[in-house]
N, C-alpha and C. Protein backbone atom coordinates (compact mmCIF):
# COMPACT_ATOMS: atom_id res chain seq x y z
N MET A 1 135.31 202.88 170.46
CA MET A 1 135.31 201.76 171.37
C MET A 1 134.45 200.61 170.83
N LEU A 2 133.29 200.96 170.27
CA LEU A 2 132.40 199.94 169.74
C LEU A 2 133.05 199.19 168.58
N MET A 3 133.85 199.89 167.82
CA MET A 3 134.54 199.24 166.70
C MET A 3 135.50 198.17 167.21
N TRP A 4 136.21 198.40 168.31
CA TRP A 4 137.13 197.41 168.87
C TRP A 4 136.39 196.18 169.38
N VAL A 5 135.20 196.37 169.88
CA VAL A 5 134.39 195.24 170.35
C VAL A 5 134.01 194.36 169.16
N TRP A 6 133.59 194.99 168.09
CA TRP A 6 133.23 194.22 166.89
C TRP A 6 134.44 193.51 166.30
N ILE A 7 135.57 194.16 166.30
CA ILE A 7 136.79 193.54 165.81
C ILE A 7 137.13 192.32 166.68
N ALA A 8 137.02 192.45 167.99
CA ALA A 8 137.31 191.36 168.90
C ALA A 8 136.33 190.20 168.67
N VAL A 9 135.04 190.51 168.47
CA VAL A 9 134.03 189.48 168.21
C VAL A 9 134.37 188.73 166.92
N VAL A 10 134.73 189.46 165.90
CA VAL A 10 135.06 188.84 164.61
C VAL A 10 136.32 187.97 164.74
N VAL A 11 137.33 188.45 165.45
CA VAL A 11 138.56 187.69 165.63
C VAL A 11 138.28 186.40 166.41
N ILE A 12 137.51 186.52 167.49
CA ILE A 12 137.17 185.33 168.28
C ILE A 12 136.37 184.34 167.44
N ALA A 13 135.42 184.85 166.65
CA ALA A 13 134.63 183.97 165.79
C ALA A 13 135.52 183.26 164.77
N LEU A 14 136.48 183.96 164.21
CA LEU A 14 137.41 183.34 163.25
C LEU A 14 138.28 182.27 163.92
N ILE A 15 138.69 182.53 165.15
CA ILE A 15 139.49 181.54 165.88
C ILE A 15 138.66 180.29 166.14
N VAL A 16 137.42 180.48 166.60
CA VAL A 16 136.54 179.33 166.87
C VAL A 16 136.28 178.57 165.57
N LEU A 17 136.02 179.26 164.49
CA LEU A 17 135.78 178.62 163.21
C LEU A 17 137.02 177.84 162.75
N SER A 18 138.19 178.43 162.93
CA SER A 18 139.43 177.76 162.53
C SER A 18 139.65 176.48 163.34
N VAL A 19 139.42 176.54 164.63
CA VAL A 19 139.60 175.35 165.48
C VAL A 19 138.62 174.26 165.06
N ALA A 20 137.37 174.63 164.81
CA ALA A 20 136.38 173.65 164.38
C ALA A 20 136.76 173.04 163.03
N ALA A 21 137.25 173.87 162.12
CA ALA A 21 137.65 173.36 160.80
C ALA A 21 138.83 172.40 160.92
N LEU A 22 139.80 172.71 161.76
CA LEU A 22 140.96 171.83 161.94
C LEU A 22 140.55 170.50 162.53
N LYS A 23 139.65 170.52 163.52
CA LYS A 23 139.18 169.26 164.11
C LYS A 23 138.45 168.42 163.06
N THR A 24 137.63 169.07 162.26
CA THR A 24 136.88 168.36 161.21
C THR A 24 137.83 167.75 160.20
N LEU A 25 138.84 168.49 159.79
CA LEU A 25 139.81 167.97 158.83
C LEU A 25 140.59 166.79 159.41
N GLY A 26 140.90 166.87 160.70
CA GLY A 26 141.58 165.75 161.36
C GLY A 26 140.73 164.50 161.35
N ARG A 27 139.45 164.65 161.60
CA ARG A 27 138.56 163.49 161.58
C ARG A 27 138.41 162.94 160.17
N LEU A 28 138.36 163.82 159.18
CA LEU A 28 138.25 163.36 157.79
C LEU A 28 139.48 162.55 157.39
N HIS A 29 140.64 162.96 157.87
CA HIS A 29 141.86 162.22 157.56
C HIS A 29 141.78 160.82 158.16
N GLY A 30 141.29 160.72 159.38
CA GLY A 30 141.13 159.41 160.01
C GLY A 30 140.13 158.55 159.26
N LEU A 31 139.05 159.14 158.80
CA LEU A 31 138.06 158.40 158.03
C LEU A 31 138.63 157.93 156.70
N GLU A 32 139.46 158.74 156.10
CA GLU A 32 140.09 158.36 154.83
C GLU A 32 141.00 157.15 155.03
N ARG A 33 141.78 157.16 156.11
CA ARG A 33 142.65 156.01 156.41
C ARG A 33 141.82 154.76 156.65
N ALA A 34 140.73 154.90 157.40
CA ALA A 34 139.86 153.75 157.67
C ALA A 34 139.25 153.22 156.37
N ALA A 35 138.87 154.10 155.48
CA ALA A 35 138.28 153.68 154.20
C ALA A 35 139.32 152.92 153.37
N ARG A 36 140.57 153.38 153.39
CA ARG A 36 141.63 152.68 152.66
C ARG A 36 141.87 151.29 153.24
N ARG A 37 141.85 151.19 154.58
CA ARG A 37 142.04 149.88 155.21
C ARG A 37 140.89 148.94 154.84
N LEU A 38 139.67 149.46 154.85
CA LEU A 38 138.52 148.64 154.48
C LEU A 38 138.61 148.17 153.03
N GLN A 39 139.05 149.05 152.15
CA GLN A 39 139.19 148.67 150.75
C GLN A 39 140.26 147.58 150.60
N HIS A 40 141.34 147.71 151.34
CA HIS A 40 142.40 146.69 151.30
C HIS A 40 141.86 145.35 151.80
N ARG A 41 141.08 145.38 152.88
CA ARG A 41 140.48 144.15 153.40
C ARG A 41 139.52 143.53 152.39
N GLN A 42 138.79 144.37 151.69
CA GLN A 42 137.85 143.87 150.68
C GLN A 42 138.62 143.19 149.55
N GLU A 43 139.73 143.78 149.12
CA GLU A 43 140.55 143.17 148.07
C GLU A 43 141.10 141.83 148.54
N GLU A 44 141.54 141.77 149.81
CA GLU A 44 142.02 140.50 150.35
C GLU A 44 140.91 139.45 150.37
N ALA A 45 139.73 139.87 150.77
CA ALA A 45 138.60 138.93 150.83
C ALA A 45 138.25 138.41 149.44
N LEU A 46 138.28 139.28 148.44
CA LEU A 46 138.00 138.84 147.07
C LEU A 46 139.06 137.86 146.57
N ALA A 47 140.32 138.12 146.93
CA ALA A 47 141.39 137.20 146.53
C ALA A 47 141.21 135.85 147.20
N LEU A 48 140.84 135.86 148.48
CA LEU A 48 140.61 134.59 149.18
C LEU A 48 139.41 133.85 148.59
N GLN A 49 138.39 134.60 148.21
CA GLN A 49 137.22 133.96 147.61
C GLN A 49 137.60 133.30 146.28
N ALA A 50 138.40 133.97 145.48
CA ALA A 50 138.83 133.40 144.20
C ALA A 50 139.68 132.15 144.44
N ALA A 51 140.56 132.20 145.44
CA ALA A 51 141.38 131.03 145.77
C ALA A 51 140.49 129.88 146.25
N GLY A 52 139.47 130.20 147.03
CA GLY A 52 138.54 129.18 147.49
C GLY A 52 137.78 128.55 146.33
N ASP A 53 137.39 129.36 145.36
CA ASP A 53 136.70 128.83 144.18
C ASP A 53 137.62 127.89 143.39
N ARG A 54 138.89 128.29 143.23
CA ARG A 54 139.84 127.42 142.52
C ARG A 54 140.05 126.12 143.28
N LEU A 55 140.13 126.20 144.59
CA LEU A 55 140.30 125.00 145.41
C LEU A 55 139.10 124.07 145.27
N GLN A 56 137.91 124.65 145.23
CA GLN A 56 136.71 123.82 145.07
C GLN A 56 136.72 123.09 143.73
N VAL A 57 137.11 123.80 142.68
CA VAL A 57 137.18 123.16 141.36
C VAL A 57 138.21 122.03 141.38
N THR A 58 139.35 122.27 142.03
CA THR A 58 140.38 121.24 142.13
C THR A 58 139.85 120.03 142.90
N LEU A 59 139.16 120.28 144.00
CA LEU A 59 138.62 119.18 144.79
C LEU A 59 137.57 118.39 144.03
N GLU A 60 136.76 119.08 143.23
CA GLU A 60 135.77 118.37 142.41
C GLU A 60 136.46 117.47 141.39
N GLY A 61 137.54 117.97 140.80
CA GLY A 61 138.31 117.17 139.85
C GLY A 61 138.92 115.95 140.52
N LEU A 62 139.46 116.16 141.73
CA LEU A 62 140.03 115.03 142.46
C LEU A 62 138.95 114.01 142.83
N GLN A 63 137.78 114.50 143.19
CA GLN A 63 136.66 113.60 143.52
C GLN A 63 136.30 112.74 142.31
N GLU A 64 136.24 113.36 141.14
CA GLU A 64 135.93 112.60 139.92
C GLU A 64 137.01 111.56 139.64
N ARG A 65 138.28 111.96 139.80
CA ARG A 65 139.37 111.02 139.56
C ARG A 65 139.34 109.87 140.57
N ALA A 66 139.01 110.17 141.82
CA ALA A 66 138.93 109.11 142.83
C ALA A 66 137.80 108.14 142.51
N GLU A 67 136.67 108.68 142.06
CA GLU A 67 135.55 107.81 141.70
C GLU A 67 135.91 106.93 140.49
N LEU A 68 136.60 107.51 139.54
CA LEU A 68 137.05 106.75 138.36
C LEU A 68 138.02 105.65 138.77
N ALA A 69 138.96 106.01 139.66
CA ALA A 69 139.94 105.02 140.12
C ALA A 69 139.23 103.91 140.91
N GLN A 70 138.26 104.29 141.72
CA GLN A 70 137.51 103.27 142.48
C GLN A 70 136.77 102.33 141.53
N GLY A 71 136.19 102.88 140.48
CA GLY A 71 135.52 102.04 139.48
C GLY A 71 136.49 101.10 138.80
N GLN A 72 137.69 101.60 138.50
CA GLN A 72 138.69 100.75 137.86
C GLN A 72 139.15 99.64 138.81
N VAL A 73 139.30 99.96 140.08
CA VAL A 73 139.70 98.95 141.06
C VAL A 73 138.62 97.88 141.16
N GLU A 74 137.37 98.29 141.19
CA GLU A 74 136.27 97.32 141.25
C GLU A 74 136.24 96.44 140.01
N THR A 75 136.50 97.05 138.85
CA THR A 75 136.54 96.27 137.60
C THR A 75 137.67 95.25 137.65
N ILE A 76 138.83 95.65 138.14
CA ILE A 76 139.98 94.74 138.24
C ILE A 76 139.65 93.61 139.21
N LYS A 77 139.07 93.94 140.36
CA LYS A 77 138.71 92.92 141.34
C LYS A 77 137.68 91.96 140.77
N ALA A 78 136.72 92.49 140.03
CA ALA A 78 135.69 91.63 139.43
C ALA A 78 136.32 90.71 138.39
N GLY A 79 137.31 91.18 137.67
CA GLY A 79 138.00 90.37 136.67
C GLY A 79 138.78 89.24 137.32
N ARG A 80 139.24 89.45 138.54
CA ARG A 80 140.00 88.42 139.25
C ARG A 80 139.10 87.51 140.05
N GLY A 81 137.81 87.83 140.10
CA GLY A 81 136.87 87.01 140.83
C GLY A 81 136.81 87.34 142.30
N LYS A 82 137.22 88.52 142.70
CA LYS A 82 137.19 88.93 144.12
C LYS A 82 136.15 90.02 144.31
N LYS A 83 135.70 90.13 145.54
CA LYS A 83 134.77 91.21 145.88
C LYS A 83 135.44 92.23 146.72
């Protein structure tokens, strides 16, 4: 009789352990998906940052060209005697 009690205790312990392991694995799967989404967002953010850097360089170039054009306009106006 005592042997059946021990067998029952071991079986119940294995069932409890199995349920706990399955729940843990389910949570790990969810964490893995969340980590993949975060990595994707990070890649998107880096791409946007690179695009922003390129845009800033373009805007700086346009600013220089506008200043040059303004200087040329002033030179032309000065040559014509206008302010």
